Amino acid sequence: MSPPAANAGESPAGNPLSGNPLSGSLRLGSHELTSRLILGTGRYETFDIMRRSLELSGCDCVTVAVRRERLYDGEGRNILDFLDLNRYTLLPNTAGCYNANDAVRTARLGREILRGLENPGADWVKLEVLGDSKTLLPDPVATLEATERLVAEGFQVLCYTSDDPVLARRLKQAGATAVMPAGSPIGSGQGILNPNNIRICLEYLKDDDPDYPVIVDAGVGTASDVAFAMELGADGVLLNTAVAHARDPLGMALAMKAALEAGRLAWLSGRIPRRLYATASSPEEGLLSTRPFPEARRG
């Protein structure tokens, strides 16, 4: 899959170089985000660090685990009191669910909580149905089942899944609003372990629907992982631990923002092809010789 073409001397399609390097908004179903970076709200040392990190990242959508015990910290403070609900669209997630029934039940709970807050995120959910607690890899069968059930109930479902292209296509066929293949296991910091599978996912999902959103989710360790994901052609990146557990979460939030912008702009601009041999960047016209050791004349 290639980025949109641009004529020589022009900016990449939809990306004026004098404007926003993120190249416009990201549409996810009925939602339109100005930032292609989505951050989680868990695992920060304090809610205050979380709040400042979100601000510096430039994101306008954040995920929140809706199980009630996750909404409060050790001092009994509600995480929602530290989120500007006029600025952020909340994306409730089903983190910690290990079967379809629990995931559907948690999604319904999230919908009711956000309806009570009058937040526009009430009609969508980030679906996670995990296979086991050691790898936190998704259960493909349960994920597909939960997707079908939630779509039937009117949810816009953003599916956390593995980098299996066949499953990704099945989830789209089931009605998923977006497919979110993992770069590597949640919280592992290993980055994108199998870029070829991500490329195939992008090809399968966008072949007849180039605007279908594909977001790399999980495994990001540092800013270069975000840039790489965007250079592969992903529409966005969702991350949490890489910022929350960084030595300096505020600095890492800024780095993630810059990396996403750089990767997106690089994708739109088009990298040069890889070649086995060198190609001179300076013209050879006017040189006394185009080789370091000219061959002796014969005759």
Protein backbone atom coordinates (compact mmCIF):
# COMPACT_ATOMS: atom_id res chain seq x y z
CA MET A 1 0.00 0.00 0.00
CA SER A 2 1.33 3.40 -0.97
CA PRO A 3 0.53 6.87 0.35
CA PRO A 4 -1.46 9.31 -1.78
CA ALA A 5 0.61 10.70 -4.60
CA ALA A 6 1.62 14.32 -4.97
CA ASN A 7 2.90 16.19 -8.02
CA ALA A 8 6.51 17.29 -8.07
CA GLY A 9 7.04 20.41 -6.01
CA GLU A 10 3.69 20.05 -4.24
CA SER A 11 2.90 18.98 -0.72
CA PRO A 12 1.67 15.40 -0.20
CA ALA A 13 -2.02 14.96 -0.81
CA GLY A 14 -4.05 16.43 2.00
CA ASN A 15 -0.95 17.60 3.83
CA PRO A 16 0.09 21.21 3.27
CA LEU A 17 3.59 21.54 4.65
CA SER A 18 2.74 24.93 6.09
CA GLY A 19 -0.17 23.44 8.03
CA ASN A 20 -0.72 20.62 10.49
CA PRO A 21 1.84 17.82 10.02
CA LEU A 22 -0.77 15.33 11.19
CA SER A 23 -2.47 15.84 7.83
CA GLY A 24 -5.96 16.50 8.96
CA SER A 25 -8.31 14.71 11.27
CA LEU A 26 -8.83 11.01 11.89
CA ARG A 27 -12.39 9.76 11.47
CA LEU A 28 -13.43 6.77 13.55
CA GLY A 29 -17.05 6.03 12.78
CA SER A 30 -19.04 9.08 13.83
CA HIS A 31 -16.10 10.56 15.74
CA GLU A 32 -13.52 12.91 14.28
CA LEU A 33 -10.23 13.38 16.11
CA THR A 34 -7.78 16.18 15.48
CA SER A 35 -4.88 14.09 16.79
CA ARG A 36 -3.92 10.63 15.56
CA LEU A 37 -2.39 9.81 18.94
CA ILE A 38 -4.65 8.16 21.53
CA LEU A 39 -3.38 7.77 25.08
CA GLY A 40 -4.44 5.54 27.92
CA THR A 41 -5.04 6.82 31.43
CA GLY A 42 -3.70 3.92 33.50
CA ARG A 43 -0.48 3.19 35.37
CA TYR A 44 0.62 6.80 35.96
CA GLU A 45 2.25 7.51 39.29
CA THR A 46 -0.35 10.19 40.04
CA PHE A 47 -3.45 11.58 38.38
CA ASP A 48 -1.70 14.95 38.17
CA ILE A 49 1.13 13.46 36.07
CA MET A 50 -1.46 11.75 33.91
CA ARG A 51 -3.33 14.98 33.33
CA ARG A 52 -0.22 16.93 32.34
CA SER A 53 1.06 14.11 30.10
CA LEU A 54 -2.22 14.00 28.20
CA GLU A 55 -2.09 17.75 27.68
CA LEU A 56 1.47 17.68 26.35
CA SER A 57 0.77 14.78 23.99
CA GLY A 58 -1.76 16.86 22.09
CA CYS A 59 -4.29 14.03 22.05
CA ASP A 60 -8.01 14.68 22.15
CA CYS A 61 -9.13 11.11 22.83
CA VAL A 62 -8.17 9.04 25.87
CA THR A 63 -9.07 5.51 26.88
CA VAL A 64 -10.51 4.75 30.30
CA ALA A 65 -10.99 1.34 31.90
CA VAL A 66 -14.59 1.39 33.02
CA ARG A 67 -14.49 -1.27 35.72
CA ARG A 68 -15.37 0.63 38.86
CA GLU A 69 -12.25 -0.26 40.84
CA ARG A 70 -10.11 1.35 38.13
CA LEU A 71 -11.86 4.73 38.37
CA TYR A 72 -10.37 5.59 41.79
CA ASP A 73 -6.83 5.88 43.11
CA GLY A 74 -5.49 4.90 46.52
CA GLU A 75 -6.75 8.16 48.02
CA GLY A 76 -10.26 7.64 46.71
CA ARG A 77 -9.99 10.30 44.01
CA ASN A 78 -11.95 9.75 40.82
CA ILE A 79 -9.92 9.73 37.63
CA LEU A 80 -12.74 11.55 35.85
CA ASP A 81 -12.08 14.61 38.03
CA PHE A 82 -8.67 14.91 36.36
CA LEU A 83 -9.93 14.73 32.78
CA ASP A 84 -11.23 17.79 30.95
CA LEU A 85 -14.44 16.35 29.55
CA ASN A 86 -14.84 19.39 27.31
CA ARG A 87 -11.49 18.66 25.70
CA TYR A 88 -11.30 14.87 25.57
CA THR A 89 -13.56 12.33 24.00
CA LEU A 90 -13.44 9.33 26.31
CA LEU A 91 -12.98 5.90 24.79
CA PRO A 92 -14.16 3.32 27.33
CA ASN A 93 -12.29 0.04 27.16
CA THR A 94 -12.91 -3.48 28.37
CA ALA A 95 -9.43 -4.02 29.79
CA GLY A 96 -9.18 -7.07 32.02
CA CYS A 97 -11.97 -9.06 30.38
CA TYR A 98 -11.23 -12.69 29.49
CA ASN A 99 -14.47 -13.73 27.82
CA ALA A 100 -17.08 -12.24 25.53
CA ASN A 101 -19.79 -12.02 28.17
CA ASP A 102 -17.66 -9.92 30.52
CA ALA A 103 -16.53 -7.70 27.65
CA VAL A 104 -20.09 -7.02 26.52
CA ARG A 105 -21.21 -6.36 30.10
CA THR A 106 -18.31 -3.95 30.67
CA ALA A 107 -19.00 -2.13 27.41
CA ARG A 108 -22.60 -1.58 28.48
CA LEU A 109 -21.40 -0.24 31.83
CA GLY A 110 -19.07 2.17 30.06
CA ARG A 111 -21.87 3.39 27.85
CA GLU A 112 -24.06 4.18 30.85
CA ILE A 113 -21.25 5.99 32.69
CA LEU A 114 -20.46 8.20 29.70
CA ARG A 115 -24.11 8.89 29.02
CA GLY A 116 -24.35 10.18 32.55
CA LEU A 117 -21.37 12.45 31.85
CA GLU A 118 -22.89 13.56 28.53
CA ASN A 119 -19.58 12.67 26.86
CA PRO A 120 -19.73 11.85 23.13
CA GLY A 121 -17.75 8.65 23.70
CA ALA A 122 -20.81 6.84 25.04
CA ASP A 123 -21.54 5.14 21.72
CA TRP A 124 -18.16 3.48 21.16
CA VAL A 125 -15.83 1.08 22.92
CA LYS A 126 -12.28 -0.17 22.69
CA LEU A 127 -12.77 -3.90 22.82
CA GLU A 128 -10.21 -6.07 24.61
CA VAL A 129 -10.88 -9.74 25.24
CA LEU A 130 -7.69 -11.30 26.54
CA GLY A 131 -6.60 -14.90 26.15
CA ASP A 132 -4.42 -15.23 29.25
CA SER A 133 -2.91 -13.07 31.96
CA LYS A 134 0.73 -13.80 31.11
CA THR A 135 0.90 -12.58 27.53
CA LEU A 136 -2.24 -10.38 27.52
CA LEU A 137 -2.68 -11.41 23.92
CA PRO A 138 -6.25 -11.26 22.61
CA ASP A 139 -8.49 -14.29 22.43
CA PRO A 140 -9.38 -14.31 18.71
CA VAL A 141 -12.56 -16.36 19.00
CA ALA A 142 -13.96 -14.39 21.93
CA THR A 143 -12.94 -11.08 20.34
CA LEU A 144 -14.84 -11.89 17.17
CA GLU A 145 -17.89 -13.04 19.15
CA ALA A 146 -17.90 -9.90 21.30
CA THR A 147 -17.51 -7.70 18.22
CA GLU A 148 -20.54 -9.24 16.56
CA ARG A 149 -22.65 -8.85 19.69
CA LEU A 150 -21.62 -5.26 20.39
CA VAL A 151 -22.12 -4.17 16.79
CA ALA A 152 -25.62 -5.68 16.95
CA GLU A 153 -26.27 -3.50 20.02
CA GLY A 154 -25.26 -0.36 18.16
CA PHE A 155 -21.73 0.10 19.49
CA GLN A 156 -18.94 1.46 17.35
CA VAL A 157 -16.28 -1.12 18.14
CA LEU A 158 -12.54 -0.49 17.98
CA CYS A 159 -10.96 -3.94 18.22
CA TYR A 160 -7.68 -4.70 19.91
CA THR A 161 -6.37 -7.76 18.12
CA SER A 162 -3.20 -9.57 17.17
CA ASP A 163 -1.32 -8.81 13.97
CA ASP A 164 -3.05 -11.74 12.22
CA PRO A 165 -4.25 -10.35 8.85
CA VAL A 166 -6.97 -13.00 8.46
CA LEU A 167 -8.49 -12.20 11.83
CA ALA A 168 -8.21 -8.49 11.11
CA ARG A 169 -10.27 -8.96 7.96
CA ARG A 170 -12.85 -11.05 9.82
CA LEU A 171 -13.26 -8.32 12.44
CA LYS A 172 -13.87 -5.74 9.76
CA GLN A 173 -16.44 -8.01 8.12
CA ALA A 174 -18.12 -8.35 11.53
CA GLY A 175 -18.66 -4.59 11.55
CA ALA A 176 -15.73 -3.27 13.58
CA THR A 177 -15.35 0.49 13.21
CA ALA A 178 -11.57 0.14 13.37
CA VAL A 179 -9.08 -2.69 13.77
CA MET A 180 -6.17 -2.16 16.15
CA PRO A 181 -3.41 -4.74 15.66
CA ALA A 182 -0.82 -5.04 18.39
CA GLY A 183 2.78 -4.19 17.63
CA SER A 184 3.80 -6.52 20.46
CA PRO A 185 2.30 -7.62 23.81
CA ILE A 186 0.68 -4.96 26.00
CA GLY A 187 3.19 -3.09 28.13
CA SER A 188 6.16 -5.04 26.77
CA GLY A 189 7.88 -2.07 25.14
CA GLN A 190 9.13 -4.28 22.32
CA GLY A 191 7.82 -2.05 19.56
CA ILE A 192 6.60 -3.51 16.28
CA LEU A 193 7.93 -7.07 16.17
CA ASN A 194 6.38 -8.09 12.86
CA PRO A 195 6.10 -5.11 10.52
CA ASN A 196 5.30 -7.36 7.57
CA ASN A 197 2.13 -8.58 9.26
CA ILE A 198 1.12 -4.99 9.99
CA ARG A 199 1.68 -4.19 6.31
CA ILE A 200 -0.51 -7.13 5.28
CA CYS A 201 -3.21 -6.05 7.74
CA LEU A 202 -3.15 -2.60 6.18
CA GLU A 203 -3.34 -4.10 2.70
CA TYR A 204 -6.26 -6.40 3.54
CA LEU A 205 -8.24 -3.79 5.45
CA LYS A 206 -7.71 -0.90 3.05
CA ASP A 207 -7.68 -2.72 -0.30
CA ASP A 208 -11.23 -1.70 -1.24
CA ASP A 209 -11.68 0.87 1.52
CA PRO A 210 -8.60 3.14 1.75
CA ASP A 211 -10.13 5.27 4.49
CA TYR A 212 -10.78 2.34 6.83
CA PRO A 213 -8.92 3.19 10.07
CA VAL A 214 -6.14 0.93 11.29
CA ILE A 215 -4.49 1.90 14.56
CA VAL A 216 -1.40 0.22 16.01
CA ASP A 217 -2.15 -0.60 19.62
CA ALA A 218 0.12 -2.02 22.34
CA GLY A 219 3.81 -2.71 22.71
CA VAL A 220 5.15 0.79 22.05
CA GLY A 221 8.33 1.44 24.02
CA THR A 222 9.62 4.76 22.76
CA ALA A 223 9.06 7.49 20.21
CA SER A 224 10.77 5.69 17.33
CA ASP A 225 8.18 2.90 17.59
CA VAL A 226 5.44 5.46 17.00
CA ALA A 227 7.24 6.96 14.03
CA PHE A 228 7.76 3.50 12.54
CA ALA A 229 4.09 2.60 12.92
CA MET A 230 3.07 5.75 11.10
CA GLU A 231 5.68 5.21 8.39
CA LEU A 232 4.12 1.80 7.74
CA GLY A 233 0.89 3.60 6.90
CA ALA A 234 -1.07 3.21 10.14
CA ASP A 235 -3.73 5.84 10.70
CA GLY A 236 -2.85 6.32 14.33
CA VAL A 237 -1.23 4.86 17.44
CA LEU A 238 -2.71 4.05 20.84
CA LEU A 239 -0.31 3.75 23.76
CA ASN A 240 -0.15 4.01 27.53
CA THR A 241 2.75 2.39 29.40
CA ALA A 242 5.46 3.95 27.25
CA VAL A 243 4.49 7.36 28.62
CA ALA A 244 3.14 6.40 32.04
CA HIS A 245 6.26 4.42 33.03
CA ALA A 246 8.87 6.56 31.32
CA ARG A 247 11.51 8.13 33.56
CA ASP A 248 10.02 11.48 32.55
CA PRO A 249 6.41 10.96 31.42
CA LEU A 250 6.00 14.61 30.45
CA GLY A 251 9.03 14.56 28.20
CA MET A 252 7.99 11.24 26.66
CA ALA A 253 4.52 12.61 25.95
CA LEU A 254 6.10 15.41 23.94
CA ALA A 255 8.37 12.92 22.18
CA MET A 256 5.41 10.73 21.19
CA LYS A 257 3.60 13.72 19.72
CA ALA A 258 6.63 14.73 17.67
CA ALA A 259 7.28 11.16 16.53
CA LEU A 260 3.73 10.68 15.35
CA GLU A 261 3.84 13.89 13.35
CA ALA A 262 7.21 12.97 11.83
CA GLY A 263 6.11 9.45 10.93
CA ARG A 264 2.86 10.61 9.38
CA LEU A 265 4.59 13.27 7.31
CA ALA A 266 7.26 10.79 6.19
CA TRP A 267 4.56 8.33 5.08
CA LEU A 268 2.73 10.98 3.10
CA SER A 269 5.93 12.30 1.57
CA GLY A 270 7.14 8.86 0.46
CA ARG A 271 10.47 7.30 1.38
CA ILE A 272 13.01 6.48 -1.29
CA PRO A 273 13.29 2.81 -2.26
CA ARG A 274 15.95 0.66 -0.64
CA ARG A 275 18.73 -0.30 -3.03
CA LEU A 276 21.57 -2.76 -2.75
CA TYR A 277 24.16 -0.36 -4.16
CA ALA A 278 24.94 3.28 -3.61
CA THR A 279 23.47 6.03 -5.77
CA ALA A 280 25.44 9.26 -5.99
CA SER A 281 23.54 12.28 -4.73
CA SER A 282 25.73 14.74 -6.63
CA PRO A 283 25.57 15.06 -10.45
CA GLU A 284 28.44 13.53 -12.42
CA GLU A 285 28.36 16.10 -15.23
CA GLY A 286 31.47 18.22 -15.42
CA LEU A 287 33.70 15.85 -13.48
CA LEU A 288 37.09 14.90 -14.86
CA SER A 289 36.20 11.32 -14.15
CA THR A 290 33.16 9.52 -12.81
CA ARG A 291 35.28 6.76 -11.28
CA PRO A 292 37.96 7.00 -8.61
CA PHE A 293 40.51 5.15 -10.78
CA PRO A 294 39.97 5.80 -14.52
CA GLU A 295 40.76 2.92 -16.82
CA ALA A 296 43.87 3.39 -18.97
CA ARG A 297 43.17 4.23 -22.59
CA ARG A 298 43.80 1.47 -25.06
CA GLY A 299 45.18 1.73 -28.55
